[in-house]
N, C-alpha and C. Protein backbone atom coordinates (compact mmCIF):
# COMPACT_ATOMS: atom_id res chain seq x y z
N MET A 1 110.04 -67.30 287.37
CA MET A 1 110.64 -67.60 288.65
C MET A 1 111.06 -66.31 289.33
N ARG A 2 110.98 -66.32 290.62
CA ARG A 2 111.41 -65.17 291.40
C ARG A 2 112.92 -65.25 291.63
N VAL A 3 113.62 -64.16 291.35
CA VAL A 3 115.07 -64.09 291.57
C VAL A 3 115.32 -63.73 293.02
N LEU A 4 116.16 -64.53 293.69
CA LEU A 4 116.49 -64.29 295.08
C LEU A 4 117.73 -63.42 295.24
N PHE A 5 118.77 -63.73 294.46
CA PHE A 5 119.99 -62.93 294.47
C PHE A 5 120.84 -63.32 293.27
N GLU A 6 121.88 -62.54 293.01
CA GLU A 6 122.80 -62.87 291.93
C GLU A 6 124.18 -63.11 292.52
N ARG A 7 124.95 -63.91 291.79
CA ARG A 7 126.30 -64.26 292.25
C ARG A 7 127.22 -64.37 291.04
N ARG A 8 128.43 -63.88 291.21
CA ARG A 8 129.44 -64.01 290.15
C ARG A 8 130.17 -65.32 290.36
N LEU A 9 130.11 -66.20 289.36
CA LEU A 9 130.79 -67.49 289.39
C LEU A 9 131.90 -67.50 288.34
N ALA A 10 132.68 -68.56 288.33
CA ALA A 10 133.78 -68.66 287.37
C ALA A 10 133.28 -68.53 285.93
N GLY A 11 132.09 -69.06 285.65
CA GLY A 11 131.53 -69.01 284.30
C GLY A 11 130.79 -67.73 283.99
N GLY A 12 130.70 -66.81 284.94
CA GLY A 12 130.00 -65.55 284.73
C GLY A 12 128.92 -65.34 285.78
N LEU A 13 128.06 -64.39 285.55
CA LEU A 13 127.01 -64.05 286.48
C LEU A 13 125.91 -65.10 286.46
N ALA A 14 125.39 -65.44 287.64
CA ALA A 14 124.30 -66.41 287.76
C ALA A 14 123.25 -65.86 288.72
N LEU A 15 122.03 -66.31 288.56
CA LEU A 15 120.92 -65.88 289.40
C LEU A 15 120.41 -67.06 290.22
N SER A 16 120.21 -66.83 291.50
CA SER A 16 119.58 -67.83 292.34
C SER A 16 118.08 -67.58 292.26
N CYS A 17 117.33 -68.59 291.85
CA CYS A 17 115.89 -68.44 291.64
C CYS A 17 115.12 -69.37 292.55
N GLU A 18 113.94 -68.91 292.94
CA GLU A 18 113.06 -69.73 293.76
C GLU A 18 112.57 -70.90 292.91
N GLY A 19 112.74 -72.13 293.42
CA GLY A 19 112.39 -73.31 292.65
C GLY A 19 111.20 -74.07 293.19
N GLY A 20 110.38 -73.44 294.01
CA GLY A 20 109.20 -74.12 294.55
C GLY A 20 109.58 -75.19 295.54
N PRO A 21 108.92 -76.36 295.49
CA PRO A 21 109.17 -77.41 296.49
C PRO A 21 110.58 -77.99 296.43
N LEU A 22 111.30 -77.76 295.35
CA LEU A 22 112.67 -78.28 295.24
C LEU A 22 113.69 -77.35 295.86
N GLY A 23 113.27 -76.19 296.33
CA GLY A 23 114.21 -75.24 296.91
C GLY A 23 114.57 -74.17 295.89
N SER A 24 115.83 -73.79 295.86
CA SER A 24 116.27 -72.78 294.89
C SER A 24 117.27 -73.41 293.93
N LEU A 25 117.46 -72.75 292.80
CA LEU A 25 118.45 -73.23 291.86
C LEU A 25 119.17 -72.04 291.24
N MET A 26 120.42 -72.27 290.87
CA MET A 26 121.26 -71.24 290.29
C MET A 26 121.25 -71.40 288.78
N LEU A 27 120.89 -70.33 288.07
CA LEU A 27 120.83 -70.35 286.61
C LEU A 27 121.82 -69.34 286.05
N PRO A 28 122.55 -69.72 285.02
CA PRO A 28 123.41 -68.74 284.36
C PRO A 28 122.56 -67.58 283.83
N LEU A 29 123.08 -66.38 283.91
CA LEU A 29 122.35 -65.21 283.45
C LEU A 29 121.91 -65.37 282.00
N ALA A 30 122.71 -66.01 281.18
CA ALA A 30 122.38 -66.19 279.77
C ALA A 30 121.10 -67.01 279.56
N TRP A 31 120.69 -67.79 280.56
CA TRP A 31 119.48 -68.62 280.43
C TRP A 31 118.22 -67.84 280.79
N THR A 32 118.36 -66.59 281.19
CA THR A 32 117.22 -65.80 281.65
C THR A 32 116.95 -64.63 280.71
N ASP A 33 115.89 -63.90 281.01
CA ASP A 33 115.58 -62.68 280.26
C ASP A 33 116.19 -61.46 280.92
N ARG A 34 117.05 -61.65 281.92
CA ARG A 34 117.62 -60.54 282.67
C ARG A 34 118.94 -60.04 282.10
N GLY A 35 119.54 -60.79 281.22
CA GLY A 35 120.85 -60.43 280.69
C GLY A 35 120.74 -59.71 279.35
N PRO A 36 121.72 -59.95 278.51
CA PRO A 36 121.70 -59.33 277.18
C PRO A 36 120.45 -59.75 276.40
N ALA A 37 120.21 -59.09 275.30
CA ALA A 37 119.03 -59.38 274.48
C ALA A 37 118.93 -60.87 274.17
N ALA A 38 117.71 -61.35 274.14
CA ALA A 38 117.47 -62.77 273.87
C ALA A 38 117.91 -63.15 272.47
N ALA A 39 118.24 -64.41 272.31
CA ALA A 39 118.63 -64.92 271.00
C ALA A 39 117.44 -64.85 270.05
N VAL A 40 117.70 -64.78 268.77
CA VAL A 40 116.63 -64.70 267.79
C VAL A 40 116.02 -66.07 267.50
N THR A 41 116.70 -67.14 267.94
CA THR A 41 116.18 -68.49 267.73
C THR A 41 115.63 -69.05 269.03
N PRO A 42 114.75 -70.04 268.96
CA PRO A 42 114.23 -70.67 270.18
C PRO A 42 115.35 -71.34 270.97
N LEU A 43 115.04 -71.74 272.18
CA LEU A 43 116.02 -72.47 272.98
C LEU A 43 116.53 -73.68 272.21
N SER A 44 117.81 -73.90 272.33
CA SER A 44 118.39 -75.04 271.63
C SER A 44 118.19 -76.31 272.45
N TYR A 45 118.30 -77.43 271.79
CA TYR A 45 118.22 -78.73 272.45
C TYR A 45 119.29 -78.84 273.54
N GLU A 46 120.48 -78.33 273.25
CA GLU A 46 121.59 -78.43 274.21
C GLU A 46 121.30 -77.66 275.49
N VAL A 47 120.71 -76.48 275.38
CA VAL A 47 120.38 -75.69 276.58
C VAL A 47 119.31 -76.40 277.39
N LEU A 48 118.32 -76.98 276.74
CA LEU A 48 117.27 -77.70 277.46
C LEU A 48 117.83 -78.93 278.17
N VAL A 49 118.78 -79.61 277.56
CA VAL A 49 119.43 -80.76 278.21
C VAL A 49 120.19 -80.30 279.44
N GLU A 50 120.92 -79.19 279.34
CA GLU A 50 121.65 -78.66 280.49
C GLU A 50 120.69 -78.30 281.63
N LEU A 51 119.56 -77.68 281.29
CA LEU A 51 118.56 -77.34 282.30
C LEU A 51 118.00 -78.59 282.96
N ALA A 52 117.71 -79.62 282.18
CA ALA A 52 117.20 -80.88 282.74
C ALA A 52 118.20 -81.51 283.69
N VAL A 53 119.49 -81.43 283.37
CA VAL A 53 120.53 -81.97 284.26
C VAL A 53 120.54 -81.21 285.58
N GLU A 54 120.43 -79.88 285.52
CA GLU A 54 120.42 -79.07 286.75
C GLU A 54 119.19 -79.40 287.61
N ILE A 55 118.03 -79.52 286.99
CA ILE A 55 116.81 -79.82 287.73
C ILE A 55 116.89 -81.21 288.36
N ALA A 56 117.43 -82.18 287.62
CA ALA A 56 117.59 -83.54 288.17
C ALA A 56 118.53 -83.53 289.37
N ALA A 57 119.58 -82.73 289.32
CA ALA A 57 120.52 -82.65 290.44
C ALA A 57 119.84 -82.08 291.67
N VAL A 58 119.03 -81.03 291.49
CA VAL A 58 118.30 -80.44 292.61
C VAL A 58 117.31 -81.45 293.17
N ALA A 59 116.58 -82.12 292.29
CA ALA A 59 115.58 -83.10 292.73
C ALA A 59 116.22 -84.25 293.49
N SER A 60 117.40 -84.70 293.06
CA SER A 60 118.05 -85.82 293.74
C SER A 60 118.53 -85.42 295.13
N ARG A 61 118.89 -84.16 295.33
CA ARG A 61 119.31 -83.68 296.65
C ARG A 61 118.14 -83.69 297.62
N HIS A 62 116.93 -83.51 297.11
CA HIS A 62 115.74 -83.41 297.97
C HIS A 62 114.97 -84.72 298.04
N ALA A 63 115.42 -85.77 297.36
CA ALA A 63 114.70 -87.03 297.34
C ALA A 63 114.92 -87.85 298.60
N GLY A 64 116.01 -87.60 299.28
CA GLY A 64 116.40 -88.41 300.42
C GLY A 64 115.59 -88.15 301.61
């Protein structure tokens, strides 16, 4: 994804990324390869669930 800008939020740094037809979405820096070194394990189930919730929220805003 193309990064549009970064923003400091209460939970830390986040990146606004181009989301294609759904518009843009804000991702925590920890979910990207732009922050500290990647974890040694694959993405956890919990992180994927959080990502799915964010994508569903963006999609519902554009469904109307």
